[in-house]
PDB file of N, CA and C in Angstrom:
ATOM      1  N   UNK A   1      -2.614 -25.706 -11.409  1.00  0.00           N
ATOM      2  CA  UNK A   1      -3.389 -25.242 -10.273  1.00  0.00           C
ATOM      3  C   UNK A   1      -2.816 -25.642  -8.917  1.00  0.00           C
ATOM      4  N   UNK A   2      -1.836 -26.569  -8.887  1.00  0.00           N
ATOM      5  CA  UNK A   2      -1.288 -26.993  -7.607  1.00  0.00           C
ATOM      6  C   UNK A   2      -0.189 -26.062  -7.101  1.00  0.00           C
ATOM      7  N   UNK A   3       0.182 -25.045  -7.854  1.00  0.00           N
ATOM      8  CA  UNK A   3       1.177 -24.076  -7.423  1.00  0.00           C
ATOM      9  C   UNK A   3       2.604 -24.452  -7.768  1.00  0.00           C
ATOM     10  N   UNK A   4       2.803 -25.615  -8.379  1.00  0.00           N
ATOM     11  CA  UNK A   4       4.151 -26.035  -8.748  1.00  0.00           C
ATOM     12  C   UNK A   4       4.573 -25.500 -10.105  1.00  0.00           C
ATOM     13  N   UNK A   5       3.656 -24.922 -10.831  1.00  0.00           N
ATOM     14  CA  UNK A   5       3.948 -24.377 -12.148  1.00  0.00           C
ATOM     15  C   UNK A   5       4.766 -23.097 -11.985  1.00  0.00           C
ATOM     16  N   UNK A   6       5.737 -22.886 -12.833  1.00  0.00           N
ATOM     17  CA  UNK A   6       6.591 -21.700 -12.768  1.00  0.00           C
ATOM     18  C   UNK A   6       5.786 -20.419 -12.997  1.00  0.00           C
ATOM     19  N   UNK A   7       4.636 -20.511 -13.658  1.00  0.00           N
ATOM     20  CA  UNK A   7       3.807 -19.329 -13.898  1.00  0.00           C
ATOM     21  C   UNK A   7       3.119 -18.849 -12.626  1.00  0.00           C
ATOM     22  N   UNK A   8       3.059 -19.697 -11.608  1.00  0.00           N
ATOM     23  CA  UNK A   8       2.412 -19.337 -10.344  1.00  0.00           C
ATOM     24  C   UNK A   8       3.398 -18.805  -9.312  1.00  0.00           C
ATOM     25  N   UNK A   9       4.658 -18.684  -9.672  1.00  0.00           N
ATOM     26  CA  UNK A   9       5.690 -18.249  -8.728  1.00  0.00           C
ATOM     27  C   UNK A   9       5.994 -16.776  -8.969  1.00  0.00           C
ATOM     28  N   UNK A  10       6.006 -16.002  -7.869  1.00  0.00           N
ATOM     29  CA  UNK A  10       6.302 -14.576  -7.949  1.00  0.00           C
ATOM     30  C   UNK A  10       7.440 -14.238  -6.999  1.00  0.00           C
ATOM     31  N   UNK A  11       8.227 -13.258  -7.383  1.00  0.00           N
ATOM     32  CA  UNK A  11       9.345 -12.792  -6.574  1.00  0.00           C
ATOM     33  C   UNK A  11       8.971 -11.435  -5.997  1.00  0.00           C
ATOM     34  N   UNK A  12       9.195 -11.275  -4.692  1.00  0.00           N
ATOM     35  CA  UNK A  12       8.867 -10.021  -4.021  1.00  0.00           C
ATOM     36  C   UNK A  12       9.964  -9.005  -4.313  1.00  0.00           C
ATOM     37  N   UNK A  13       9.547  -7.802  -4.694  1.00  0.00           N
ATOM     38  CA  UNK A  13      10.502  -6.749  -5.027  1.00  0.00           C
ATOM     39  C   UNK A  13      10.151  -5.506  -4.224  1.00  0.00           C
ATOM     40  N   UNK A  14      11.131  -4.946  -3.508  1.00  0.00           N
ATOM     41  CA  UNK A  14      10.903  -3.732  -2.727  1.00  0.00           C
ATOM     42  C   UNK A  14      11.210  -2.527  -3.605  1.00  0.00           C
ATOM     43  N   UNK A  15      10.277  -1.595  -3.644  1.00  0.00           N
ATOM     44  CA  UNK A  15      10.415  -0.421  -4.500  1.00  0.00           C
ATOM     45  C   UNK A  15      10.929   0.768  -3.698  1.00  0.00           C
ATOM     46  N   UNK A  16      11.383   1.798  -4.394  1.00  0.00           N
ATOM     47  CA  UNK A  16      11.931   2.993  -3.744  1.00  0.00           C
ATOM     48  C   UNK A  16      10.900   3.729  -2.901  1.00  0.00           C
ATOM     49  N   UNK A  17       9.639   3.632  -3.267  1.00  0.00           N
ATOM     50  CA  UNK A  17       8.583   4.353  -2.554  1.00  0.00           C
ATOM     51  C   UNK A  17       8.019   3.545  -1.385  1.00  0.00           C
ATOM     52  N   UNK A  18       8.767   2.534  -0.916  1.00  0.00           N
ATOM     53  CA  UNK A  18       8.409   1.684   0.230  1.00  0.00           C
ATOM     54  C   UNK A  18       7.217   0.780  -0.036  1.00  0.00           C
ATOM     55  N   UNK A  19       6.868   0.581  -1.274  1.00  0.00           N
ATOM     56  CA  UNK A  19       5.835  -0.379  -1.626  1.00  0.00           C
ATOM     57  C   UNK A  19       6.500  -1.696  -2.019  1.00  0.00           C
ATOM     58  N   UNK A  20       5.689  -2.727  -2.117  1.00  0.00           N
ATOM     59  CA  UNK A  20       6.157  -4.036  -2.540  1.00  0.00           C
ATOM     60  C   UNK A  20       5.464  -4.393  -3.844  1.00  0.00           C
ATOM     61  N   UNK A  21       6.206  -4.963  -4.771  1.00  0.00           N
ATOM     62  CA  UNK A  21       5.645  -5.438  -6.034  1.00  0.00           C
ATOM     63  C   UNK A  21       5.993  -6.912  -6.181  1.00  0.00           C
ATOM     64  N   UNK A  22       5.128  -7.650  -6.854  1.00  0.00           N
ATOM     65  CA  UNK A  22       5.362  -9.069  -7.100  1.00  0.00           C
ATOM     66  C   UNK A  22       5.634  -9.268  -8.587  1.00  0.00           C
ATOM     67  N   UNK A  23       6.819  -9.780  -8.907  1.00  0.00           N
ATOM     68  CA  UNK A  23       7.256  -9.968 -10.286  1.00  0.00           C
ATOM     69  C   UNK A  23       7.180 -11.442 -10.630  1.00  0.00           C
ATOM     70  N   UNK A  24       6.715 -11.749 -11.821  1.00  0.00           N
ATOM     71  CA  UNK A  24       6.635 -13.132 -12.277  1.00  0.00           C
ATOM     72  C   UNK A  24       8.034 -13.730 -12.386  1.00  0.00           C
ATOM     73  N   UNK A  25       8.193 -14.964 -11.892  1.00  0.00           N
ATOM     74  CA  UNK A  25       9.486 -15.647 -11.980  1.00  0.00           C
ATOM     75  C   UNK A  25       9.749 -16.132 -13.401  1.00  0.00           C
ATOM     76  N   UNK A  26       8.703 -16.412 -14.132  1.00  0.00           N
ATOM     77  CA  UNK A  26       8.870 -16.934 -15.491  1.00  0.00           C
ATOM     78  C   UNK A  26       9.014 -15.820 -16.522  1.00  0.00           C
ATOM     79  N   UNK A  27       8.158 -14.808 -16.419  1.00  0.00           N
ATOM     80  CA  UNK A  27       8.152 -13.722 -17.397  1.00  0.00           C
ATOM     81  C   UNK A  27       8.722 -12.463 -16.750  1.00  0.00           C
ATOM     82  N   UNK A  28       9.951 -12.124 -17.054  1.00  0.00           N
ATOM     83  CA  UNK A  28      10.598 -10.944 -16.481  1.00  0.00           C
ATOM     84  C   UNK A  28       9.878  -9.678 -16.945  1.00  0.00           C
ATOM     85  N   UNK A  29       9.645  -8.776 -16.011  1.00  0.00           N
ATOM     86  CA  UNK A  29       8.968  -7.525 -16.333  1.00  0.00           C
ATOM     87  C   UNK A  29       7.460  -7.592 -16.208  1.00  0.00           C
ATOM     88  N   UNK A  30       6.912  -8.761 -15.882  1.00  0.00           N
ATOM     89  CA  UNK A  30       5.470  -8.896 -15.676  1.00  0.00           C
ATOM     90  C   UNK A  30       5.196  -8.813 -14.185  1.00  0.00           C
ATOM     91  N   UNK A  31       4.282  -7.937 -13.809  1.00  0.00           N
ATOM     92  CA  UNK A  31       3.958  -7.711 -12.402  1.00  0.00           C
ATOM     93  C   UNK A  31       2.532  -8.150 -12.108  1.00  0.00           C
ATOM     94  N   UNK A  32       2.300  -8.553 -10.872  1.00  0.00           N
ATOM     95  CA  UNK A  32       0.959  -8.893 -10.411  1.00  0.00           C
ATOM     96  C   UNK A  32       0.248  -7.593 -10.076  1.00  0.00           C
ATOM     97  N   UNK A  33      -0.932  -7.372 -10.645  1.00  0.00           N
ATOM     98  CA  UNK A  33      -1.660  -6.137 -10.398  1.00  0.00           C
ATOM     99  C   UNK A  33      -3.150  -6.327 -10.567  1.00  0.00           C
ATOM    100  N   UNK A  34      -3.909  -5.438  -9.924  1.00  0.00           N
ATOM    101  CA  UNK A  34      -5.367  -5.479  -9.981  1.00  0.00           C
ATOM    102  C   UNK A  34      -5.886  -4.097 -10.349  1.00  0.00           C
ATOM    103  N   UNK A  35      -6.988  -4.067 -11.110  1.00  0.00           N
ATOM    104  CA  UNK A  35      -7.575  -2.781 -11.473  1.00  0.00           C
ATOM    105  C   UNK A  35      -8.469  -2.279 -10.337  1.00  0.00           C
ATOM    106  N   UNK A  36      -9.147  -1.171 -10.553  1.00  0.00           N
ATOM    107  CA  UNK A  36      -9.975  -0.562  -9.502  1.00  0.00           C
ATOM    108  C   UNK A  36     -11.127  -1.448  -9.056  1.00  0.00           C
ATOM    109  N   UNK A  37     -11.591  -2.305  -9.948  1.00  0.00           N
ATOM    110  CA  UNK A  37     -12.699  -3.202  -9.611  1.00  0.00           C
ATOM    111  C   UNK A  37     -12.219  -4.487  -8.950  1.00  0.00           C
ATOM    112  N   UNK A  38     -10.903  -4.638  -8.796  1.00  0.00           N
ATOM    113  CA  UNK A  38     -10.359  -5.825  -8.166  1.00  0.00           C
ATOM    114  C   UNK A  38     -10.076  -6.963  -9.120  1.00  0.00           C
ATOM    115  N   UNK A  39     -10.211  -6.696 -10.388  1.00  0.00           N
ATOM    116  CA  UNK A  39      -9.940  -7.735 -11.377  1.00  0.00           C
ATOM    117  C   UNK A  39      -8.450  -7.738 -11.722  1.00  0.00           C
ATOM    118  N   UNK A  40      -7.872  -8.913 -11.963  1.00  0.00           N
ATOM    119  CA  UNK A  40      -6.436  -8.963 -12.279  1.00  0.00           C
ATOM    120  C   UNK A  40      -6.131  -8.343 -13.636  1.00  0.00           C
ATOM    121  N   UNK A  41      -4.975  -7.688 -13.706  1.00  0.00           N
ATOM    122  CA  UNK A  41      -4.511  -7.125 -14.974  1.00  0.00           C
ATOM    123  C   UNK A  41      -3.619  -8.140 -15.664  1.00  0.00           C
ATOM    124  N   UNK A  42      -3.569  -8.074 -16.983  1.00  0.00           N
ATOM    125  CA  UNK A  42      -2.674  -8.953 -17.726  1.00  0.00           C
ATOM    126  C   UNK A  42      -1.234  -8.552 -17.418  1.00  0.00           C
ATOM    127  N   UNK A  43      -0.399  -9.551 -17.187  1.00  0.00           N
ATOM    128  CA  UNK A  43       0.993  -9.287 -16.837  1.00  0.00           C
ATOM    129  C   UNK A  43       1.739  -8.510 -17.892  1.00  0.00           C
ATOM    130  N   UNK A  44       1.412  -8.750 -19.150  1.00  0.00           N
ATOM    131  CA  UNK A  44       2.110  -8.056 -20.237  1.00  0.00           C
ATOM    132  C   UNK A  44       1.732  -6.579 -20.305  1.00  0.00           C
ATOM    133  N   UNK A  45       0.650  -6.195 -19.637  1.00  0.00           N
ATOM    134  CA  UNK A  45       0.189  -4.807 -19.662  1.00  0.00           C
ATOM    135  C   UNK A  45       0.599  -4.034 -18.413  1.00  0.00           C
ATOM    136  N   UNK A  46       1.421  -4.634 -17.554  1.00  0.00           N
ATOM    137  CA  UNK A  46       1.808  -3.975 -16.307  1.00  0.00           C
ATOM    138  C   UNK A  46       3.265  -3.533 -16.354  1.00  0.00           C
ATOM    139  N   UNK A  47       3.551  -2.458 -15.608  1.00  0.00           N
ATOM    140  CA  UNK A  47       4.922  -1.988 -15.430  1.00  0.00           C
ATOM    141  C   UNK A  47       5.141  -1.682 -13.956  1.00  0.00           C
ATOM    142  N   UNK A  48       6.389  -1.526 -13.575  1.00  0.00           N
ATOM    143  CA  UNK A  48       6.735  -1.291 -12.177  1.00  0.00           C
ATOM    144  C   UNK A  48       6.194   0.038 -11.667  1.00  0.00           C
ATOM    145  N   UNK A  49       5.983   1.006 -12.521  1.00  0.00           N
ATOM    146  CA  UNK A  49       5.573   2.341 -12.091  1.00  0.00           C
ATOM    147  C   UNK A  49       4.066   2.487 -11.908  1.00  0.00           C
ATOM    148  N   UNK A  50       3.281   1.498 -12.283  1.00  0.00           N
ATOM    149  CA  UNK A  50       1.826   1.599 -12.164  1.00  0.00           C
ATOM    150  C   UNK A  50       1.387   1.387 -10.717  1.00  0.00           C
ATOM    151  N   UNK A  51       0.406   2.174 -10.277  1.00  0.00           N
ATOM    152  CA  UNK A  51      -0.109   2.035  -8.916  1.00  0.00           C
ATOM    153  C   UNK A  51      -0.789   0.691  -8.701  1.00  0.00           C
ATOM    154  N   UNK A  52      -1.285   0.086  -9.758  1.00  0.00           N
ATOM    155  CA  UNK A  52      -2.005  -1.181  -9.642  1.00  0.00           C
ATOM    156  C   UNK A  52      -1.117  -2.328  -9.174  1.00  0.00           C
ATOM    157  N   UNK A  53       0.195  -2.166  -9.270  1.00  0.00           N
ATOM    158  CA  UNK A  53       1.108  -3.238  -8.866  1.00  0.00           C
ATOM    159  C   UNK A  53       1.799  -2.938  -7.540  1.00  0.00           C
ATOM    160  N   UNK A  54       1.481  -1.807  -6.904  1.00  0.00           N
ATOM    161  CA  UNK A  54       2.103  -1.437  -5.629  1.00  0.00           C
ATOM    162  C   UNK A  54       1.260  -1.966  -4.476  1.00  0.00           C
ATOM    163  N   UNK A  55       1.891  -2.700  -3.593  1.00  0.00           N
ATOM    164  CA  UNK A  55       1.199  -3.275  -2.443  1.00  0.00           C
ATOM    165  C   UNK A  55       1.922  -2.890  -1.165  1.00  0.00           C
ATOM    166  N   UNK A  56       1.168  -2.840  -0.064  1.00  0.00           N
ATOM    167  CA  UNK A  56       1.744  -2.596   1.258  1.00  0.00           C
ATOM    168  C   UNK A  56       1.525  -3.829   2.110  1.00  0.00           C
ATOM    169  N   UNK A  57       2.531  -4.202   2.850  1.00  0.00           N
ATOM    170  CA  UNK A  57       2.406  -5.360   3.728  1.00  0.00           C
ATOM    171  C   UNK A  57       1.694  -4.941   5.005  1.00  0.00           C
ATOM    172  N   UNK A  58       0.818  -5.814   5.469  1.00  0.00           N
ATOM    173  CA  UNK A  58       0.131  -5.591   6.742  1.00  0.00           C
ATOM    174  C   UNK A  58       0.269  -6.851   7.572  1.00  0.00           C
ATOM    175  N   UNK A  59       0.551  -6.668   8.831  1.00  0.00           N
ATOM    176  CA  UNK A  59       0.658  -7.804   9.739  1.00  0.00           C
ATOM    177  C   UNK A  59      -0.711  -8.095  10.335  1.00  0.00           C
ATOM    178  N   UNK A  60      -0.978  -9.332  10.704  1.00  0.00           N
ATOM    179  CA  UNK A  60      -2.250  -9.651  11.362  1.00  0.00           C
ATOM    180  C   UNK A  60      -2.387  -8.874  12.665  1.00  0.00           C
ATOM    181  N   UNK A  61      -3.624  -8.650  13.093  1.00  0.00           N
ATOM    182  CA  UNK A  61      -3.864  -7.897  14.324  1.00  0.00           C
ATOM    183  C   UNK A  61      -3.143  -8.553  15.493  1.00  0.00           C
ATOM    184  N   UNK A  62      -2.475  -7.745  16.283  1.00  0.00           N
ATOM    185  CA  UNK A  62      -1.789  -8.247  17.462  1.00  0.00           C
ATOM    186  C   UNK A  62      -0.387  -8.743  17.209  1.00  0.00           C
ATOM    187  N   UNK A  63       0.001  -8.885  15.960  1.00  0.00           N
ATOM    188  CA  UNK A  63       1.353  -9.364  15.648  1.00  0.00           C
ATOM    189  C   UNK A  63       2.131  -8.243  14.969  1.00  0.00           C
ATOM    190  N   UNK A  64       3.319  -7.963  15.507  1.00  0.00           N
ATOM    191  CA  UNK A  64       4.163  -6.912  14.958  1.00  0.00           C
ATOM    192  C   UNK A  64       5.521  -7.517  14.653  1.00  0.00           C
ATOM    193  N   UNK A  65       6.074  -7.156  13.532  1.00  0.00           N
ATOM    194  CA  UNK A  65       7.402  -7.624  13.174  1.00  0.00           C
ATOM    195  C   UNK A  65       8.410  -6.948  14.100  1.00  0.00           C
ATOM    196  N   UNK A  66       9.208  -7.699  14.855  1.00  0.00           N
ATOM    197  CA  UNK A  66      10.123  -7.077  15.818  1.00  0.00           C
ATOM    198  C   UNK A  66      11.220  -6.251  15.159  1.00  0.00           C
ATOM    199  N   UNK A  67      11.536  -6.515  13.903  1.00  0.00           N
ATOM    200  CA  UNK A  67      12.584  -5.760  13.233  1.00  0.00           C
ATOM    201  C   UNK A  67      12.104  -4.418  12.702  1.00  0.00           C
ATOM    202  N   UNK A  68      10.828  -4.314  12.424  1.00  0.00           N
ATOM    203  CA  UNK A  68      10.303  -3.091  11.825  1.00  0.00           C
ATOM    204  C   UNK A  68       9.175  -2.528  12.676  1.00  0.00           C
ATOM    205  N   UNK A  69       9.534  -1.691  13.640  1.00  0.00           N
ATOM    206  CA  UNK A  69       8.505  -1.043  14.445  1.00  0.00           C
ATOM    207  C   UNK A  69       8.244   0.337  13.870  1.00  0.00           C
ATOM    208  N   UNK A  70       6.999   0.614  13.599  1.00  0.00           N
ATOM    209  CA  UNK A  70       6.616   1.909  13.056  1.00  0.00           C
ATOM    210  C   UNK A  70       6.161   2.810  14.193  1.00  0.00           C
ATOM    211  N   UNK A  71       6.478   4.063  14.065  1.00  0.00           N
ATOM    212  CA  UNK A  71       6.008   5.054  15.032  1.00  0.00           C
ATOM    213  C   UNK A  71       5.143   6.050  14.267  1.00  0.00           C
ATOM    214  N   UNK A  72       3.884   6.106  14.658  1.00  0.00           N
ATOM    215  CA  UNK A  72       2.943   6.985  13.984  1.00  0.00           C
ATOM    216  C   UNK A  72       2.766   8.268  14.791  1.00  0.00           C
ATOM    217  N   UNK A  73       2.553   9.347  14.101  1.00  0.00           N
ATOM    218  CA  UNK A  73       2.241  10.605  14.757  1.00  0.00           C
ATOM    219  C   UNK A  73       0.853  11.024  14.315  1.00  0.00           C
ATOM    220  N   UNK A  74       0.199  11.793  15.149  1.00  0.00           N
ATOM    221  CA  UNK A  74      -1.144  12.245  14.801  1.00  0.00           C
ATOM    222  C   UNK A  74      -1.047  13.491  13.925  1.00  0.00           C
ATOM    223  N   UNK A  75      -1.912  13.551  12.961  1.00  0.00           N
ATOM    224  CA  UNK A  75      -1.965  14.688  12.055  1.00  0.00           C
ATOM    225  C   UNK A  75      -3.389  15.200  12.069  1.00  0.00           C
ATOM    226  N   UNK A  76      -3.531  16.483  12.283  1.00  0.00           N
ATOM    227  CA  UNK A  76      -4.865  17.072  12.281  1.00  0.00           C
ATOM    228  C   UNK A  76      -5.068  17.816  10.970  1.00  0.00           C
ATOM    229  N   UNK A  77      -6.289  17.783  10.497  1.00  0.00           N
ATOM    230  CA  UNK A  77      -6.614  18.466   9.255  1.00  0.00           C
ATOM    231  C   UNK A  77      -6.719  19.961   9.534  1.00  0.00           C
ATOM    232  N   UNK A  78      -6.059  20.743   8.721  1.00  0.00           N
ATOM    233  CA  UNK A  78      -6.097  22.189   8.910  1.00  0.00           C
ATOM    234  C   UNK A  78      -7.383  22.752   8.327  1.00  0.00           C
ATOM    235  N   UNK A  79      -7.918  23.738   8.999  1.00  0.00           N
ATOM    236  CA  UNK A  79      -9.102  24.417   8.483  1.00  0.00           C
ATOM    237  C   UNK A  79      -8.653  25.510   7.521  1.00  0.00           C
ATOM    238  N   UNK A  80      -9.587  26.010   6.761  1.00  0.00           N
ATOM    239  CA  UNK A  80      -9.238  27.041   5.780  1.00  0.00           C
ATOM    240  C   UNK A  80      -8.801  28.338   6.451  1.00  0.00           C
ATOM    241  N   UNK A  81      -9.406  28.648   7.556  1.00  0.00           N
ATOM    242  CA  UNK A  81      -9.033  29.871   8.275  1.00  0.00           C
ATOM    243  C   UNK A  81      -9.266  29.653   9.760  1.00  0.00           C
ATOM    244  N   UNK A  82      -8.573  30.420  10.535  1.00  0.00           N
ATOM    245  CA  UNK A  82      -8.739  30.323  11.983  1.00  0.00           C
ATOM    246  C   UNK A  82     -10.003  31.074  12.372  1.00  0.00           C
ATOM    247  N   UNK A  83     -10.809  30.460  13.184  1.00  0.00           N
ATOM    248  CA  UNK A  83     -12.045  31.102  13.628  1.00  0.00           C
ATOM    249  C   UNK A  83     -11.874  31.607  15.048  1.00  0.00           C
ATOM    250  N   UNK A  84     -12.396  32.781  15.291  1.00  0.00           N
ATOM    251  CA  UNK A  84     -12.331  33.333  16.636  1.00  0.00           C
ATOM    252  C   UNK A  84     -13.379  32.672  17.505  1.00  0.00           C
ATOM    253  N   UNK A  85     -12.990  32.395  18.717  1.00  0.00           N
ATOM    254  CA  UNK A  85     -13.933  31.830  19.664  1.00  0.00           C
ATOM    255  C   UNK A  85     -14.824  32.933  20.208  1.00  0.00           C
ATOM    256  N   UNK A  86     -16.105  32.639  20.305  1.00  0.00           N
ATOM    257  CA  UNK A  86     -17.034  33.612  20.873  1.00  0.00           C
ATOM    258  C   UNK A  86     -16.868  33.607  22.389  1.00  0.00           C
ATOM    259  N   UNK A  87     -16.892  34.777  22.999  1.00  0.00           N
ATOM    260  CA  UNK A  87     -16.768  34.810  24.461  1.00  0.00           C
ATOM    261  C   UNK A  87     -17.968  34.119  25.105  1.00  0.00           C
ATOM    262  N   UNK A  88     -17.701  33.331  26.116  1.00  0.00           N
ATOM    263  CA  UNK A  88     -18.740  32.595  26.812  1.00  0.00           C
ATOM    264  C   UNK A  88     -19.350  33.505  27.879  1.00  0.00           C
ATOM    265  N   UNK A  89     -20.646  33.836  27.778  1.00  0.00           N
ATOM    266  CA  UNK A  89     -21.259  34.761  28.751  1.00  0.00           C
ATOM    267  C   UNK A  89     -21.346  34.153  30.151  1.00  0.00           C
ATOM    268  N   UNK A  90     -21.298  32.857  30.297  1.00  0.00           N
ATOM    269  CA  UNK A  90     -21.419  32.221  31.605  1.00  0.00           C
ATOM    270  C   UNK A  90     -20.147  32.353  32.436  1.00  0.00           C
ATOM    271  N   UNK A  91     -19.013  32.599  31.808  1.00  0.00           N
ATOM    272  CA  UNK A  91     -17.759  32.689  32.556  1.00  0.00           C
ATOM    273  C   UNK A  91     -17.571  34.049  33.195  1.00  0.00           C
ATOM    274  N   UNK A  92     -18.313  35.065  32.816  1.00  0.00           N
ATOM    275  CA  UNK A  92     -18.152  36.419  33.376  1.00  0.00           C
ATOM    276  C   UNK A  92     -18.802  36.547  34.701  1.00  0.00           C
TER     277      UNK A  92
END
């Protein structure tokens, strides 16, 4: 429980899909993962391709990593069809 046990050590692994996975240092091929309810999954039942083991790093509010600046663009949800605007009678 003090964290000095080799079973408590994980190695960070960067995946092709820009996610991060944590691999057990003692048991190769065992990943840290959680199910939908937030309960931990058994390491022997996890693989690198499962969504339960994919994590994204987040920085604390107000702190940004100077090496990795992200630029976000706004995306609007498209409607099913374009609607015509009704003419405004007050503008005539």
